[in-house]
Amino acid sequence: MKHIVQQVLKDKDGNFSLREVVTLIYVFMSIISWIAQQFFGQQIPEYMFYAFISMIGAGTFGYSLEKKSSDLKDN
């Protein structure tokens, strides 16, 4: 399990990336807020849910645009 989480948090160069960490935090926040609303009757503002999903989308879109560093190829 630890190896899987480490792989998820790495960018295309194999370095740990803060963008992936923040995206994973937003995924967990979205799941927790959905569970709180569905099963515990807590009211979660709609705009917060949309903000979480937008941040997840921005993180995954940024990853898809990312290219490997050319410095690694030159060395």
C-alpha atoms as a PDB file:
ATOM      1  CA  MET A   1       0.000   0.000   0.000  1.00  0.00           C
ATOM      2  CA  LYS A   2       2.840   2.369   0.869  1.00  0.00           C
ATOM      3  CA  HIS A   3       4.460   1.746  -2.532  1.00  0.00           C
ATOM      4  CA  ILE A   4       1.212   2.551  -4.354  1.00  0.00           C
ATOM      5  CA  VAL A   5       0.795   5.845  -2.498  1.00  0.00           C
ATOM      6  CA  GLN A   6       4.404   6.779  -3.242  1.00  0.00           C
ATOM      7  CA  GLN A   7       3.868   6.081  -6.948  1.00  0.00           C
ATOM      8  CA  VAL A   8       0.711   8.213  -7.004  1.00  0.00           C
ATOM      9  CA  LEU A   9       2.529  11.172  -5.467  1.00  0.00           C
ATOM     10  CA  LYS A  10       5.320  11.260  -8.054  1.00  0.00           C
ATOM     11  CA  ASP A  11       5.426  13.352 -11.204  1.00  0.00           C
ATOM     12  CA  LYS A  12       6.523  12.128 -14.641  1.00  0.00           C
ATOM     13  CA  ASP A  13      10.190  12.578 -13.732  1.00  0.00           C
ATOM     14  CA  GLY A  14       9.787  10.338 -10.693  1.00  0.00           C
ATOM     15  CA  ASN A  15      10.093  13.163  -8.151  1.00  0.00           C
ATOM     16  CA  PHE A  16       7.570  13.820  -5.428  1.00  0.00           C
ATOM     17  CA  SER A  17       5.233  16.620  -6.460  1.00  0.00           C
ATOM     18  CA  LEU A  18       3.243  18.974  -4.279  1.00  0.00           C
ATOM     19  CA  ARG A  19       0.544  19.134  -6.974  1.00  0.00           C
ATOM     20  CA  GLU A  20      -0.184  15.444  -6.584  1.00  0.00           C
ATOM     21  CA  VAL A  21      -0.279  15.763  -2.787  1.00  0.00           C
ATOM     22  CA  VAL A  22      -2.768  18.639  -2.957  1.00  0.00           C
ATOM     23  CA  THR A  23      -4.893  16.783  -5.521  1.00  0.00           C
ATOM     24  CA  LEU A  24      -4.973  13.699  -3.278  1.00  0.00           C
ATOM     25  CA  ILE A  25      -6.005  15.860  -0.306  1.00  0.00           C
ATOM     26  CA  TYR A  26      -8.862  17.341  -2.355  1.00  0.00           C
ATOM     27  CA  VAL A  27      -9.972  13.846  -3.383  1.00  0.00           C
ATOM     28  CA  PHE A  28     -10.119  12.800   0.274  1.00  0.00           C
ATOM     29  CA  MET A  29     -11.942  16.023   1.208  1.00  0.00           C
ATOM     30  CA  SER A  30     -14.529  15.393  -1.518  1.00  0.00           C
ATOM     31  CA  ILE A  31     -15.107  11.821  -0.384  1.00  0.00           C
ATOM     32  CA  ILE A  32     -15.400  12.868   3.265  1.00  0.00           C
ATOM     33  CA  SER A  33     -17.816  15.700   2.462  1.00  0.00           C
ATOM     34  CA  TRP A  34     -19.948  13.379   0.317  1.00  0.00           C
ATOM     35  CA  ILE A  35     -20.084  10.768   3.107  1.00  0.00           C
ATOM     36  CA  ALA A  36     -20.947  13.461   5.653  1.00  0.00           C
ATOM     37  CA  GLN A  37     -23.805  14.714   3.504  1.00  0.00           C
ATOM     38  CA  GLN A  38     -25.180  11.329   2.450  1.00  0.00           C
ATOM     39  CA  PHE A  39     -24.962   9.383   5.675  1.00  0.00           C
ATOM     40  CA  PHE A  40     -24.748  11.899   8.505  1.00  0.00           C
ATOM     41  CA  GLY A  41     -27.075  14.621   7.214  1.00  0.00           C
ATOM     42  CA  GLN A  42     -24.443  17.383   7.393  1.00  0.00           C
ATOM     43  CA  GLN A  43     -25.060  20.226   4.991  1.00  0.00           C
ATOM     44  CA  ILE A  44     -22.027  20.838   2.800  1.00  0.00           C
ATOM     45  CA  PRO A  45     -22.252  24.046   0.730  1.00  0.00           C
ATOM     46  CA  GLU A  46     -22.536  23.280  -2.955  1.00  0.00           C
ATOM     47  CA  TYR A  47     -19.845  25.764  -3.914  1.00  0.00           C
ATOM     48  CA  MET A  48     -17.332  23.932  -1.692  1.00  0.00           C
ATOM     49  CA  PHE A  49     -18.021  20.657  -3.477  1.00  0.00           C
ATOM     50  CA  TYR A  50     -17.635  22.342  -6.871  1.00  0.00           C
ATOM     51  CA  ALA A  51     -14.390  23.958  -5.719  1.00  0.00           C
ATOM     52  CA  PHE A  52     -12.995  20.587  -4.605  1.00  0.00           C
ATOM     53  CA  ILE A  53     -13.878  18.953  -7.915  1.00  0.00           C
ATOM     54  CA  SER A  54     -12.453  21.906  -9.871  1.00  0.00           C
ATOM     55  CA  MET A  55      -9.151  21.631  -8.011  1.00  0.00           C
ATOM     56  CA  ILE A  56      -9.002  17.882  -8.698  1.00  0.00           C
ATOM     57  CA  GLY A  57      -9.648  18.577 -12.382  1.00  0.00           C
ATOM     58  CA  ALA A  58      -6.946  21.250 -12.471  1.00  0.00           C
ATOM     59  CA  GLY A  59      -4.449  18.875 -10.886  1.00  0.00           C
ATOM     60  CA  THR A  60      -5.134  16.065 -13.312  1.00  0.00           C
ATOM     61  CA  PHE A  61      -5.173  18.445 -16.292  1.00  0.00           C
ATOM     62  CA  GLY A  62      -1.812  19.852 -15.206  1.00  0.00           C
ATOM     63  CA  TYR A  63      -0.396  16.342 -15.009  1.00  0.00           C
ATOM     64  CA  SER A  64      -1.582  15.558 -18.527  1.00  0.00           C
ATOM     65  CA  LEU A  65       0.200  18.673 -19.870  1.00  0.00           C
ATOM     66  CA  GLU A  66       3.418  17.914 -18.023  1.00  0.00           C
ATOM     67  CA  LYS A  67       6.358  16.601 -20.016  1.00  0.00           C
ATOM     68  CA  LYS A  68       9.487  14.866 -18.800  1.00  0.00           C
ATOM     69  CA  SER A  69      12.474  17.124 -18.272  1.00  0.00           C
ATOM     70  CA  SER A  70      14.896  17.182 -21.150  1.00  0.00           C
ATOM     71  CA  ASP A  71      17.781  17.583 -18.660  1.00  0.00           C
ATOM     72  CA  LEU A  72      17.426  13.911 -17.693  1.00  0.00           C
ATOM     73  CA  LYS A  73      17.787  12.835 -21.318  1.00  0.00           C
ATOM     74  CA  ASP A  74      20.952  14.936 -21.821  1.00  0.00           C
ATOM     75  CA  ASN A  75      22.730  13.434 -18.805  1.00  0.00           C
END
